[in-house]
Protein backbone atom coordinates (compact mmCIF):
# COMPACT_ATOMS: atom_id res chain seq x y z
CA MET A 1 -9.76 -11.92 -5.72
CA TYR A 2 -6.58 -13.46 -4.38
CA ARG A 3 -5.44 -13.24 -0.76
CA THR A 4 -2.15 -13.83 1.00
CA ASP A 5 -0.24 -12.87 4.12
CA LEU A 6 2.88 -10.74 4.01
CA TYR A 7 5.39 -10.81 6.86
CA PHE A 8 7.39 -7.58 6.84
CA GLU A 9 9.59 -6.21 9.64
CA ASP A 10 7.99 -8.44 12.29
CA ASP A 11 4.44 -7.48 11.32
CA ILE A 12 1.82 -9.41 9.38
CA PHE A 13 -0.26 -7.83 6.66
CA ASP A 14 -3.22 -9.20 4.73
CA ILE A 15 -2.88 -8.60 0.99
CA GLU A 16 -5.96 -8.73 -1.24
CA VAL A 17 -5.34 -8.59 -4.98
CA ASP A 18 -8.00 -8.07 -7.62
CA VAL A 19 -7.27 -8.51 -11.30
CA ILE A 20 -9.10 -5.60 -12.92
CA LYS A 21 -8.24 -6.33 -16.54
CA ARG A 22 -6.46 -9.14 -18.32
CA GLU A 23 -6.38 -9.00 -22.10
CA GLU A 24 -3.99 -8.62 -25.01
CA GLY A 25 -0.84 -8.95 -22.88
CA ILE A 26 -1.93 -6.36 -20.29
CA THR A 27 -2.86 -7.22 -16.72
CA ILE A 28 -3.98 -4.50 -14.29
CA TYR A 29 -4.02 -5.21 -10.53
CA TRP A 30 -5.61 -3.42 -7.60
CA SER A 31 -4.25 -4.39 -4.17
CA THR A 32 -5.48 -3.52 -0.72
CA VAL A 33 -3.09 -3.99 2.20
CA TYR A 34 -4.54 -4.45 5.66
CA GLY A 35 -2.36 -4.07 8.75
CA LYS A 36 -1.61 -1.17 11.06
CA LYS A 37 -2.98 1.08 8.32
CA ILE A 38 -4.90 0.32 5.16
CA GLY A 39 -2.89 0.93 2.00
CA ARG A 40 -3.73 0.62 -1.67
CA LEU A 41 -1.52 -0.16 -4.61
CA TYR A 42 -2.45 -0.04 -8.29
CA CYS A 43 -0.08 -1.68 -10.78
CA ILE A 44 0.15 -3.00 -14.31
CA LYS A 45 2.03 -5.75 -16.11
CA ILE A 46 2.56 -5.56 -19.86
CA ASP A 47 3.51 -8.78 -21.64
CA ASP A 48 6.53 -10.34 -19.93
CA LYS A 49 7.94 -7.07 -18.59
CA PRO A 50 8.32 -6.61 -14.82
CA LEU A 51 5.31 -5.48 -12.81
CA MET A 52 5.09 -1.67 -12.65
CA MET A 53 3.41 0.36 -9.94
CA THR A 54 1.21 3.18 -11.22
CA SER A 55 -0.01 4.58 -7.90
CA SER A 56 0.15 3.78 -4.21
CA THR A 57 -0.92 5.12 -0.84
CA ILE A 58 1.97 3.19 0.76
CA ILE A 59 4.92 5.47 1.53
CA ASN A 60 7.59 2.87 2.40
CA LEU A 61 9.50 1.91 -0.78
CA ASP A 62 10.77 -1.40 0.65
CA PHE A 63 7.24 -2.35 1.68
CA GLU A 64 5.89 -1.43 -1.78
CA LYS A 65 8.49 -3.75 -3.32
CA ALA A 66 7.44 -6.54 -0.94
CA VAL A 67 3.80 -6.10 -1.98
CA LEU A 68 4.80 -6.17 -5.68
CA ASN A 69 6.68 -9.41 -5.02
CA CYS A 70 3.50 -10.84 -3.45
CA ILE A 71 1.49 -9.93 -6.53
CA ASN A 72 4.09 -11.55 -8.77
CA ARG A 73 4.02 -14.68 -6.63
CA ILE A 74 0.22 -14.79 -6.65
CA GLU A 75 0.21 -14.50 -10.43
CA TYR A 76 2.80 -17.26 -10.76
CA ILE A 77 1.11 -19.67 -8.35
CA ASN A 78 -2.37 -19.11 -9.73
CA ALA A 79 -1.51 -19.08 -13.43
CA ASP A 80 -3.77 -22.09 -13.99
CA ASN A 81 -6.11 -21.75 -10.98
CA GLY A 82 -9.32 -19.81 -10.52
CA PRO A 83 -9.60 -16.67 -8.37
CA GLY A 84 -10.32 -16.72 -4.69
CA LYS A 85 -7.63 -19.21 -3.68
CA LEU A 86 -6.13 -18.41 -0.29
CA LEU A 87 -2.34 -18.52 -0.21
CA GLN A 88 -0.56 -19.08 3.06
CA HIS A 89 2.76 -17.32 2.57
CA CYS A 90 4.37 -14.87 0.25
């Protein structure tokens, strides 16, 4: 599990990202967003293509994009690190 904070529209959210599957060029992520409400986001990355959202309980498109950017950043920062590292900013 990876964790980071997301600052969005003057609010802070705690993002927890679990890598569900990583094999043969496919990575599947499950994210839980804690803040005013709890939201969940399920997404997939295939090879080097951009991260794609497959389902979400978050209804704000700009916020969903911000969470996807956090997942991309977590993946980039932790490419060679083990899970569980706490990131400070996204």
